[in-house]
Structure formats: structure tokens, C-alpha cells
N, C-alpha and C. Protein backbone atom coordinates (compact mmCIF):
# COMPACT_ATOMS: atom_id res chain seq x y z
N MET A 1 -0.10 -27.76 2.01
CA MET A 1 0.39 -26.44 1.65
C MET A 1 1.60 -26.58 0.75
N SER A 2 1.82 -25.60 -0.07
CA SER A 2 2.92 -25.59 -1.03
C SER A 2 4.28 -25.60 -0.34
N THR A 3 5.29 -26.06 -1.05
CA THR A 3 6.66 -25.99 -0.55
C THR A 3 7.32 -24.68 -0.96
N ASP A 4 6.59 -23.79 -1.58
CA ASP A 4 7.10 -22.48 -1.97
C ASP A 4 7.59 -21.77 -0.71
N PRO A 5 8.84 -21.26 -0.69
CA PRO A 5 9.35 -20.61 0.51
C PRO A 5 8.57 -19.36 0.91
N LEU A 6 7.85 -18.75 -0.04
CA LEU A 6 7.04 -17.59 0.32
C LEU A 6 5.82 -17.99 1.14
N LEU A 7 5.46 -19.26 1.09
CA LEU A 7 4.23 -19.69 1.74
C LEU A 7 4.46 -20.65 2.90
N THR A 8 5.64 -21.16 3.10
CA THR A 8 5.88 -22.17 4.13
C THR A 8 6.35 -21.52 5.41
N SER A 9 5.44 -21.03 6.17
CA SER A 9 5.77 -20.46 7.48
C SER A 9 4.52 -20.48 8.35
N ASP A 10 4.74 -20.42 9.64
CA ASP A 10 3.61 -20.32 10.56
C ASP A 10 2.81 -19.06 10.29
N PHE A 11 3.51 -17.99 9.89
CA PHE A 11 2.85 -16.73 9.57
C PHE A 11 1.85 -16.94 8.43
N ALA A 12 2.28 -17.59 7.36
CA ALA A 12 1.40 -17.85 6.22
C ALA A 12 0.28 -18.80 6.60
N GLU A 13 0.59 -19.82 7.38
CA GLU A 13 -0.45 -20.78 7.82
C GLU A 13 -1.53 -20.06 8.62
N ALA A 14 -1.13 -19.19 9.53
CA ALA A 14 -2.09 -18.45 10.34
C ALA A 14 -2.95 -17.53 9.47
N LEU A 15 -2.33 -16.92 8.48
CA LEU A 15 -3.09 -16.07 7.56
C LEU A 15 -4.12 -16.88 6.78
N LEU A 16 -3.68 -18.00 6.25
CA LEU A 16 -4.57 -18.84 5.46
C LEU A 16 -5.75 -19.33 6.29
N ALA A 17 -5.52 -19.57 7.56
CA ALA A 17 -6.59 -20.05 8.45
C ALA A 17 -7.71 -19.03 8.63
N THR A 18 -7.45 -17.75 8.31
CA THR A 18 -8.50 -16.73 8.44
C THR A 18 -9.54 -16.84 7.33
N GLN A 19 -9.21 -17.56 6.28
CA GLN A 19 -10.11 -17.67 5.13
C GLN A 19 -10.99 -18.89 5.29
N THR A 20 -12.07 -18.73 6.05
CA THR A 20 -12.92 -19.86 6.45
C THR A 20 -14.11 -20.09 5.54
N GLY A 21 -14.15 -19.45 4.43
CA GLY A 21 -15.24 -19.65 3.49
C GLY A 21 -15.10 -18.71 2.32
N SER A 22 -15.91 -18.93 1.31
CA SER A 22 -15.78 -18.11 0.10
C SER A 22 -16.13 -16.65 0.36
N GLN A 23 -16.85 -16.36 1.45
CA GLN A 23 -17.22 -14.98 1.76
C GLN A 23 -16.34 -14.35 2.83
N ALA A 24 -15.30 -15.05 3.27
CA ALA A 24 -14.42 -14.51 4.31
C ALA A 24 -13.74 -13.24 3.79
N PRO A 25 -13.67 -12.21 4.64
CA PRO A 25 -12.99 -10.99 4.19
C PRO A 25 -11.49 -11.21 4.08
N ALA A 26 -10.85 -10.45 3.23
CA ALA A 26 -9.40 -10.48 3.14
C ALA A 26 -8.83 -10.07 4.49
N THR A 27 -7.68 -10.63 4.84
CA THR A 27 -7.04 -10.34 6.13
C THR A 27 -5.63 -9.85 5.88
N LEU A 28 -5.27 -8.75 6.53
CA LEU A 28 -3.93 -8.18 6.45
C LEU A 28 -3.31 -8.28 7.83
N ARG A 29 -2.09 -8.81 7.92
CA ARG A 29 -1.40 -8.96 9.21
C ARG A 29 0.03 -8.47 9.07
N PHE A 30 0.57 -8.03 10.20
CA PHE A 30 1.94 -7.53 10.24
C PHE A 30 2.72 -8.20 11.35
N ASP A 31 3.99 -8.45 11.13
CA ASP A 31 4.91 -8.68 12.23
C ASP A 31 6.10 -7.78 11.96
N ALA A 32 7.14 -7.88 12.73
CA ALA A 32 8.25 -6.93 12.62
C ALA A 32 8.88 -6.89 11.23
N THR A 33 8.97 -8.05 10.58
CA THR A 33 9.70 -8.12 9.32
C THR A 33 8.89 -8.64 8.14
N ARG A 34 7.61 -8.93 8.35
CA ARG A 34 6.78 -9.46 7.27
C ARG A 34 5.41 -8.79 7.30
N THR A 35 4.81 -8.75 6.14
CA THR A 35 3.43 -8.30 5.98
C THR A 35 2.73 -9.39 5.19
N GLY A 36 1.55 -9.78 5.64
CA GLY A 36 0.83 -10.86 4.97
C GLY A 36 -0.58 -10.46 4.60
N LEU A 37 -1.03 -10.98 3.48
CA LEU A 37 -2.39 -10.75 2.99
C LEU A 37 -2.98 -12.10 2.61
N ALA A 38 -4.13 -12.41 3.19
CA ALA A 38 -4.86 -13.62 2.82
C ALA A 38 -6.18 -13.19 2.21
N PHE A 39 -6.60 -13.89 1.17
CA PHE A 39 -7.86 -13.56 0.51
C PHE A 39 -8.51 -14.85 0.07
N GLY A 40 -9.84 -14.79 0.03
CA GLY A 40 -10.58 -16.02 -0.22
C GLY A 40 -11.11 -16.16 -1.62
N GLY A 41 -12.30 -16.68 -1.67
CA GLY A 41 -12.88 -17.09 -2.93
C GLY A 41 -12.96 -18.60 -2.91
N THR A 42 -13.05 -19.19 -4.06
CA THR A 42 -13.16 -20.65 -4.09
C THR A 42 -11.86 -21.32 -3.67
N VAL A 43 -10.73 -20.66 -3.92
CA VAL A 43 -9.43 -21.19 -3.50
C VAL A 43 -8.72 -20.10 -2.69
N PRO A 44 -8.72 -20.20 -1.36
CA PRO A 44 -8.04 -19.18 -0.55
C PRO A 44 -6.55 -19.13 -0.88
N ALA A 45 -5.98 -17.95 -0.77
CA ALA A 45 -4.57 -17.76 -1.08
C ALA A 45 -3.96 -16.77 -0.10
N VAL A 46 -2.65 -16.75 -0.08
CA VAL A 46 -1.92 -15.85 0.81
C VAL A 46 -0.72 -15.28 0.07
N ARG A 47 -0.38 -14.05 0.40
CA ARG A 47 0.84 -13.42 -0.08
C ARG A 47 1.59 -12.94 1.16
N VAL A 48 2.87 -13.31 1.26
CA VAL A 48 3.71 -12.85 2.37
C VAL A 48 4.83 -12.01 1.76
N TYR A 49 4.92 -10.78 2.25
CA TYR A 49 5.91 -9.83 1.75
C TYR A 49 7.02 -9.69 2.79
N ALA A 50 8.25 -9.62 2.32
CA ALA A 50 9.42 -9.57 3.21
C ALA A 50 9.71 -8.13 3.64
N PHE A 51 8.73 -7.49 4.24
CA PHE A 51 8.94 -6.20 4.88
C PHE A 51 7.91 -6.06 5.99
N GLY A 52 8.31 -5.41 7.02
CA GLY A 52 7.45 -5.09 8.15
C GLY A 52 7.92 -3.76 8.72
N PRO A 53 7.16 -3.22 9.65
CA PRO A 53 7.55 -1.91 10.20
C PRO A 53 8.99 -1.87 10.73
N ALA A 54 9.39 -2.87 11.50
CA ALA A 54 10.73 -2.83 12.10
C ALA A 54 11.82 -2.98 11.05
N SER A 55 11.58 -3.79 10.02
CA SER A 55 12.62 -3.98 9.00
C SER A 55 12.83 -2.72 8.18
N LEU A 56 11.80 -1.89 8.02
CA LEU A 56 11.99 -0.61 7.32
C LEU A 56 12.57 0.44 8.26
N ALA A 57 12.04 0.51 9.48
CA ALA A 57 12.43 1.56 10.41
C ALA A 57 13.86 1.41 10.93
N ARG A 58 14.42 0.22 10.86
CA ARG A 58 15.78 0.04 11.39
C ARG A 58 16.81 0.86 10.63
N HIS A 59 16.45 1.32 9.43
CA HIS A 59 17.36 2.14 8.63
C HIS A 59 17.19 3.64 8.90
N TRP A 60 16.26 3.99 9.78
CA TRP A 60 15.97 5.39 10.04
C TRP A 60 16.58 5.82 11.37
N HIS A 61 16.98 7.07 11.44
CA HIS A 61 17.49 7.59 12.70
C HIS A 61 16.30 7.94 13.59
N PRO A 62 16.50 8.07 14.90
CA PRO A 62 15.38 8.46 15.78
C PRO A 62 14.78 9.79 15.33
N GLY A 63 13.52 9.94 15.54
CA GLY A 63 12.81 11.11 15.04
C GLY A 63 12.25 10.80 13.67
N PHE A 64 12.05 11.80 12.88
CA PHE A 64 11.47 11.59 11.56
C PHE A 64 12.53 11.14 10.56
N PRO A 65 12.15 10.24 9.65
CA PRO A 65 13.10 9.83 8.61
C PRO A 65 13.38 11.00 7.67
N THR A 66 14.48 10.91 6.98
CA THR A 66 14.81 11.93 5.98
C THR A 66 14.02 11.64 4.70
N PRO A 67 13.92 12.61 3.81
CA PRO A 67 13.26 12.33 2.53
C PRO A 67 13.91 11.16 1.78
N ALA A 68 15.23 11.07 1.83
CA ALA A 68 15.91 9.96 1.15
C ALA A 68 15.56 8.62 1.79
N GLN A 69 15.44 8.58 3.12
CA GLN A 69 15.06 7.34 3.80
C GLN A 69 13.63 6.94 3.45
N LEU A 70 12.74 7.90 3.33
CA LEU A 70 11.37 7.59 2.91
C LEU A 70 11.37 7.03 1.49
N GLU A 71 12.11 7.66 0.59
CA GLU A 71 12.16 7.18 -0.79
C GLU A 71 12.75 5.77 -0.87
N TYR A 72 13.78 5.51 -0.10
CA TYR A 72 14.38 4.17 -0.08
C TYR A 72 13.37 3.14 0.41
N ALA A 73 12.63 3.48 1.47
CA ALA A 73 11.63 2.55 2.02
C ALA A 73 10.50 2.31 1.03
N ILE A 74 10.05 3.35 0.35
CA ILE A 74 9.00 3.20 -0.67
C ILE A 74 9.49 2.25 -1.76
N ALA A 75 10.72 2.48 -2.24
CA ALA A 75 11.27 1.62 -3.29
C ALA A 75 11.39 0.18 -2.81
N ALA A 76 11.79 -0.04 -1.55
CA ALA A 76 11.91 -1.40 -1.02
C ALA A 76 10.56 -2.10 -0.99
N VAL A 77 9.52 -1.39 -0.56
CA VAL A 77 8.18 -1.98 -0.52
C VAL A 77 7.69 -2.27 -1.94
N GLU A 78 7.83 -1.32 -2.84
CA GLU A 78 7.39 -1.52 -4.23
C GLU A 78 8.13 -2.68 -4.89
N ASP A 79 9.44 -2.77 -4.67
CA ASP A 79 10.22 -3.87 -5.25
C ASP A 79 9.74 -5.22 -4.73
N GLU A 80 9.45 -5.30 -3.45
CA GLU A 80 9.00 -6.57 -2.87
C GLU A 80 7.60 -6.92 -3.36
N LEU A 81 6.72 -5.94 -3.47
CA LEU A 81 5.39 -6.21 -4.02
C LEU A 81 5.52 -6.78 -5.43
N MET A 82 6.35 -6.16 -6.26
CA MET A 82 6.52 -6.63 -7.63
C MET A 82 7.14 -8.04 -7.66
N ARG A 83 8.12 -8.29 -6.80
CA ARG A 83 8.76 -9.61 -6.77
C ARG A 83 7.76 -10.70 -6.43
N VAL A 84 6.98 -10.49 -5.39
CA VAL A 84 6.00 -11.49 -4.97
C VAL A 84 4.92 -11.66 -6.02
N HIS A 85 4.46 -10.58 -6.59
CA HIS A 85 3.38 -10.66 -7.58
C HIS A 85 3.85 -11.30 -8.89
N ARG A 86 5.12 -11.12 -9.25
CA ARG A 86 5.67 -11.84 -10.41
C ARG A 86 5.69 -13.34 -10.14
N HIS A 87 6.01 -13.71 -8.90
CA HIS A 87 6.15 -15.12 -8.53
C HIS A 87 4.79 -15.79 -8.32
N CYS A 88 3.90 -15.12 -7.61
CA CYS A 88 2.63 -15.74 -7.20
C CYS A 88 1.41 -15.15 -7.89
N GLY A 89 1.58 -14.06 -8.60
CA GLY A 89 0.44 -13.35 -9.17
C GLY A 89 -0.08 -12.34 -8.16
N PRO A 90 -0.62 -11.23 -8.64
CA PRO A 90 -1.15 -10.22 -7.72
C PRO A 90 -2.46 -10.71 -7.10
N PRO A 91 -2.79 -10.19 -5.92
CA PRO A 91 -4.08 -10.53 -5.36
C PRO A 91 -5.18 -9.86 -6.18
N PRO A 92 -6.41 -10.32 -6.02
CA PRO A 92 -7.51 -9.65 -6.73
C PRO A 92 -7.72 -8.25 -6.16
N SER A 93 -8.41 -7.40 -6.90
CA SER A 93 -8.75 -6.09 -6.35
C SER A 93 -9.63 -6.29 -5.13
N LEU A 94 -9.29 -5.59 -4.07
CA LEU A 94 -10.00 -5.74 -2.81
C LEU A 94 -10.55 -4.39 -2.38
N ALA A 95 -11.80 -4.37 -1.96
CA ALA A 95 -12.36 -3.13 -1.44
C ALA A 95 -11.79 -2.84 -0.05
N SER A 96 -11.62 -3.90 0.74
CA SER A 96 -11.11 -3.71 2.09
C SER A 96 -10.49 -5.01 2.58
N ALA A 97 -9.79 -4.89 3.69
CA ALA A 97 -9.23 -6.05 4.38
C ALA A 97 -9.39 -5.81 5.87
N VAL A 98 -9.48 -6.89 6.62
CA VAL A 98 -9.58 -6.83 8.08
C VAL A 98 -8.18 -6.97 8.65
N CYS A 99 -7.88 -6.20 9.69
CA CYS A 99 -6.58 -6.33 10.36
C CYS A 99 -6.81 -6.30 11.87
N PRO A 100 -6.64 -7.45 12.53
CA PRO A 100 -6.84 -7.50 13.98
C PRO A 100 -5.61 -7.07 14.78
N ASP A 101 -4.51 -6.71 14.14
CA ASP A 101 -3.28 -6.35 14.85
C ASP A 101 -3.44 -5.02 15.59
N PRO A 102 -2.79 -4.86 16.74
CA PRO A 102 -2.94 -3.61 17.51
C PRO A 102 -2.23 -2.40 16.89
N GLU A 103 -1.16 -2.61 16.13
CA GLU A 103 -0.40 -1.48 15.60
C GLU A 103 -1.21 -0.60 14.64
N PRO A 104 -1.98 -1.17 13.70
CA PRO A 104 -2.79 -0.30 12.85
C PRO A 104 -3.86 0.47 13.63
N ARG A 105 -4.35 -0.12 14.73
CA ARG A 105 -5.32 0.60 15.56
C ARG A 105 -4.65 1.80 16.22
N ALA A 106 -3.43 1.61 16.72
CA ALA A 106 -2.69 2.73 17.32
C ALA A 106 -2.41 3.80 16.26
N LEU A 107 -2.07 3.37 15.05
CA LEU A 107 -1.85 4.31 13.96
C LEU A 107 -3.13 5.09 13.67
N ALA A 108 -4.25 4.40 13.58
CA ALA A 108 -5.53 5.06 13.31
C ALA A 108 -5.84 6.09 14.40
N ALA A 109 -5.58 5.73 15.65
CA ALA A 109 -5.82 6.67 16.76
C ALA A 109 -4.92 7.90 16.62
N SER A 110 -3.65 7.69 16.23
CA SER A 110 -2.76 8.84 16.07
C SER A 110 -3.21 9.73 14.92
N LEU A 111 -3.92 9.15 13.94
CA LEU A 111 -4.43 9.94 12.81
C LEU A 111 -5.77 10.59 13.13
N GLY A 112 -6.25 10.42 14.37
CA GLY A 112 -7.47 11.09 14.80
C GLY A 112 -8.72 10.25 14.75
N LEU A 113 -8.61 8.97 14.46
CA LEU A 113 -9.78 8.09 14.45
C LEU A 113 -10.00 7.51 15.85
N PRO A 114 -11.18 6.99 16.14
CA PRO A 114 -11.43 6.44 17.47
C PRO A 114 -10.43 5.34 17.83
N GLY A 115 -10.04 5.30 19.10
CA GLY A 115 -9.08 4.32 19.57
C GLY A 115 -9.69 3.00 19.99
N SER A 116 -11.02 2.92 19.95
CA SER A 116 -11.67 1.66 20.33
C SER A 116 -12.89 1.46 19.44
N GLY A 117 -13.48 0.26 19.56
CA GLY A 117 -14.61 -0.08 18.72
C GLY A 117 -14.14 -0.42 17.31
N ARG A 118 -15.11 -0.70 16.45
CA ARG A 118 -14.80 -1.00 15.06
C ARG A 118 -14.43 0.30 14.35
N VAL A 119 -13.31 0.29 13.65
CA VAL A 119 -12.81 1.49 12.96
C VAL A 119 -12.49 1.14 11.52
N GLN A 120 -12.83 2.04 10.63
CA GLN A 120 -12.48 1.88 9.23
C GLN A 120 -11.43 2.93 8.89
N LEU A 121 -10.23 2.45 8.56
CA LEU A 121 -9.13 3.33 8.18
C LEU A 121 -9.14 3.44 6.66
N LEU A 122 -9.55 4.58 6.15
CA LEU A 122 -9.69 4.78 4.71
C LEU A 122 -8.37 5.19 4.07
N ARG A 123 -8.23 4.87 2.80
CA ARG A 123 -7.04 5.22 2.04
C ARG A 123 -6.76 6.72 2.12
N GLU A 124 -7.81 7.54 2.08
CA GLU A 124 -7.63 8.99 2.12
C GLU A 124 -6.98 9.44 3.42
N ALA A 125 -7.36 8.82 4.55
CA ALA A 125 -6.76 9.17 5.84
C ALA A 125 -5.29 8.77 5.87
N VAL A 126 -4.98 7.62 5.30
CA VAL A 126 -3.59 7.16 5.25
C VAL A 126 -2.77 8.09 4.36
N GLU A 127 -3.30 8.46 3.21
CA GLU A 127 -2.60 9.38 2.30
C GLU A 127 -2.35 10.73 2.98
N HIS A 128 -3.36 11.22 3.68
CA HIS A 128 -3.22 12.50 4.37
C HIS A 128 -2.13 12.40 5.45
N GLY A 129 -2.15 11.33 6.23
CA GLY A 129 -1.12 11.13 7.25
C GLY A 129 0.26 11.01 6.64
N PHE A 130 0.36 10.29 5.53
CA PHE A 130 1.66 10.15 4.88
C PHE A 130 2.15 11.49 4.35
N GLY A 131 1.26 12.29 3.84
CA GLY A 131 1.65 13.63 3.37
C GLY A 131 2.24 14.45 4.50
N ARG A 132 1.65 14.35 5.69
CA ARG A 132 2.19 15.06 6.85
C ARG A 132 3.54 14.48 7.27
N LEU A 133 3.69 13.15 7.19
CA LEU A 133 4.98 12.52 7.50
C LEU A 133 6.05 13.01 6.52
N ALA A 134 5.72 13.07 5.24
CA ALA A 134 6.68 13.56 4.24
C ALA A 134 7.06 15.01 4.52
N ALA A 135 6.09 15.82 4.93
CA ALA A 135 6.38 17.21 5.25
C ALA A 135 7.33 17.30 6.44
N CYS A 136 7.14 16.46 7.44
CA CYS A 136 8.05 16.44 8.59
C CYS A 136 9.44 16.01 8.17
N ALA A 137 9.51 15.03 7.29
CA ALA A 137 10.80 14.57 6.79
C ALA A 137 11.53 15.67 6.05
N GLU A 138 10.79 16.58 5.45
CA GLU A 138 11.38 17.70 4.71
C GLU A 138 11.65 18.90 5.61
N GLY A 139 11.48 18.72 6.93
CA GLY A 139 11.84 19.78 7.86
C GLY A 139 10.71 20.67 8.32
N ARG A 140 9.48 20.25 8.16
CA ARG A 140 8.34 21.03 8.61
C ARG A 140 7.68 20.32 9.81
N PRO A 141 8.31 20.35 10.99
CA PRO A 141 7.79 19.60 12.14
C PRO A 141 6.44 20.11 12.64
N SER A 142 5.99 21.27 12.20
CA SER A 142 4.68 21.75 12.62
C SER A 142 3.57 20.82 12.12
N ASP A 143 3.88 19.98 11.13
CA ASP A 143 2.90 19.03 10.61
C ASP A 143 2.88 17.72 11.38
N SER A 144 3.65 17.62 12.47
CA SER A 144 3.81 16.34 13.16
C SER A 144 2.65 15.98 14.07
N GLY A 145 1.74 16.91 14.36
CA GLY A 145 0.60 16.59 15.20
C GLY A 145 -0.25 15.51 14.55
N GLY A 146 -0.64 14.53 15.33
CA GLY A 146 -1.48 13.46 14.79
C GLY A 146 -0.72 12.44 13.98
N LEU A 147 0.59 12.32 14.21
CA LEU A 147 1.38 11.28 13.55
C LEU A 147 1.98 10.37 14.61
N PRO A 148 2.29 9.15 14.23
CA PRO A 148 3.00 8.29 15.18
C PRO A 148 4.33 8.95 15.55
N GLN A 149 4.75 8.79 16.79
CA GLN A 149 5.99 9.41 17.23
C GLN A 149 7.15 8.42 17.27
N ASP A 150 6.90 7.17 16.90
CA ASP A 150 7.96 6.17 16.86
C ASP A 150 8.20 5.74 15.41
N THR A 151 9.42 5.31 15.13
CA THR A 151 9.75 4.98 13.74
C THR A 151 8.98 3.77 13.23
N ASN A 152 8.66 2.80 14.09
CA ASN A 152 7.86 1.66 13.62
C ASN A 152 6.47 2.10 13.19
N GLY A 153 5.87 3.02 13.93
CA GLY A 153 4.56 3.55 13.55
C GLY A 153 4.61 4.32 12.24
N MET A 154 5.69 5.08 12.06
CA MET A 154 5.87 5.81 10.80
C MET A 154 6.06 4.85 9.64
N ALA A 155 6.84 3.78 9.88
CA ALA A 155 7.05 2.78 8.83
C ALA A 155 5.74 2.07 8.49
N LEU A 156 4.92 1.78 9.49
CA LEU A 156 3.62 1.16 9.23
C LEU A 156 2.76 2.08 8.37
N LEU A 157 2.78 3.37 8.64
CA LEU A 157 2.03 4.32 7.83
C LEU A 157 2.50 4.25 6.36
N LEU A 158 3.80 4.20 6.15
CA LEU A 158 4.34 4.10 4.80
C LEU A 158 3.90 2.78 4.15
N ILE A 159 3.99 1.68 4.88
CA ILE A 159 3.58 0.38 4.33
C ILE A 159 2.12 0.38 3.94
N LEU A 160 1.26 0.87 4.82
CA LEU A 160 -0.18 0.91 4.49
C LEU A 160 -0.43 1.79 3.28
N ARG A 161 0.25 2.91 3.20
CA ARG A 161 0.06 3.79 2.04
C ARG A 161 0.41 3.05 0.75
N GLU A 162 1.54 2.37 0.74
CA GLU A 162 1.96 1.65 -0.46
C GLU A 162 1.02 0.48 -0.78
N LEU A 163 0.61 -0.27 0.23
CA LEU A 163 -0.31 -1.38 -0.01
C LEU A 163 -1.64 -0.88 -0.55
N MET A 164 -2.17 0.18 0.07
CA MET A 164 -3.47 0.69 -0.37
C MET A 164 -3.40 1.24 -1.78
N HIS A 165 -2.26 1.76 -2.14
CA HIS A 165 -2.08 2.31 -3.50
C HIS A 165 -1.89 1.20 -4.53
N HIS A 166 -1.06 0.21 -4.22
CA HIS A 166 -0.67 -0.79 -5.23
C HIS A 166 -1.59 -2.00 -5.30
N LEU A 167 -2.36 -2.32 -4.25
CA LEU A 167 -3.15 -3.56 -4.33
C LEU A 167 -4.39 -3.41 -5.21
N PRO A 168 -5.15 -2.47 -5.38
CA PRO A 168 -5.44 -1.36 -4.49
C PRO A 168 -6.39 -1.80 -3.38
N LEU A 169 -6.37 -1.08 -2.30
CA LEU A 169 -7.17 -1.38 -1.12
C LEU A 169 -7.76 -0.06 -0.64
N ALA A 170 -9.08 0.03 -0.60
CA ALA A 170 -9.73 1.29 -0.25
C ALA A 170 -9.81 1.54 1.25
N ALA A 171 -9.86 0.46 2.04
CA ALA A 171 -10.04 0.62 3.48
C ALA A 171 -9.46 -0.56 4.24
N LEU A 172 -9.06 -0.28 5.45
CA LEU A 172 -8.63 -1.32 6.38
C LEU A 172 -9.62 -1.33 7.52
N GLU A 173 -10.24 -2.47 7.73
CA GLU A 173 -11.24 -2.62 8.80
C GLU A 173 -10.52 -3.09 10.05
N LEU A 174 -10.67 -2.32 11.14
CA LEU A 174 -10.05 -2.67 12.42
C LEU A 174 -11.18 -3.11 13.35
N PRO A 175 -11.28 -4.42 13.64
CA PRO A 175 -12.41 -4.90 14.44
C PRO A 175 -12.33 -4.41 15.88
N ALA A 176 -13.48 -4.43 16.54
CA ALA A 176 -13.56 -3.99 17.95
C ALA A 176 -12.79 -4.93 18.84
């Protein structure tokens, strides 16, 4: 493995291990302070981004973030995506990625999708949820139904929205 600091971690090693063949689906993983994407092909690769739900949410007060806090978090995610992609190159266009982590499943359930079994979280559902989160941030709490009630869940929604928009990624597959 490379000595590149973006790639030398157990997190990156575990991501890379998901790419077991040229047909392996892309894998998206989260921890508190990092987000990782592994993708295959003839030469599997990984991108590790220095943001995670907890690292974004720690700047937010309890309850819904303010519009300024949402804008700051969006800018932080976009800046990190650009930094990594300048250094390592952007990932290829991906139709979908698999995410076995429990947090996106909880997010999908809060957005009204099934809480068990195989679930496909589409970009449109994430955009709709983010629109409701932004409305709550602007003082319209009547839109809060079907949203995560914790700041880490809200930050995950923001992260997924930005990833799906910038990578681009049409769907996140949540295995059973």
C-alpha cells in the first residue's frame, strides 16, 4: 500500500479489502471523523475524506443546526472533496455504492424507508430529507417529521447529500 497519508490507515485498508474483484461494487463507509469510498475495476482504489458525522455535528448546538452552520458544513465537505480529488483524482462516476454501516440504515428508516432487509436509498430521498432539514434550520419545525433527531444523523444526511451530488452517486445500497 502507498505511503500517502490519505491512504495509510486501518480504515483505508478495510475499505480496500471490500474490492475483491473487478465486479465488486463500490463501498462507502463512515466513522465519526472520516468517510471512505472504495471502488474497483482492474486497479482497486480508495478515497478517505477527513469528515464524518461527529466531526461536522460537533459544531452544532443541540436541536437543529442554524442555516449558517449548515452552510459551513457544506463548505467543509466540498473543500475536503476537492482537496482529496486534486491529490488523488476523483473517483469514477458510480451508479451506486454499498454501505453496511448501521447509521445510514437508521437515516433511511427516519426518511420513511424500511428499517430492515435490503434498502436502496436514492439521491431523491436524500435531497428531499435535506430540504426538510434546511427548512427546520430556517425555523420551520413542522417539517421535522421523518428526520433524524440527533445531530450526528443530521450531519450524515448532509454528508450523503453532498457525496451523492458531487461524486455523483445515484443510490446507496444498504444490505440486509
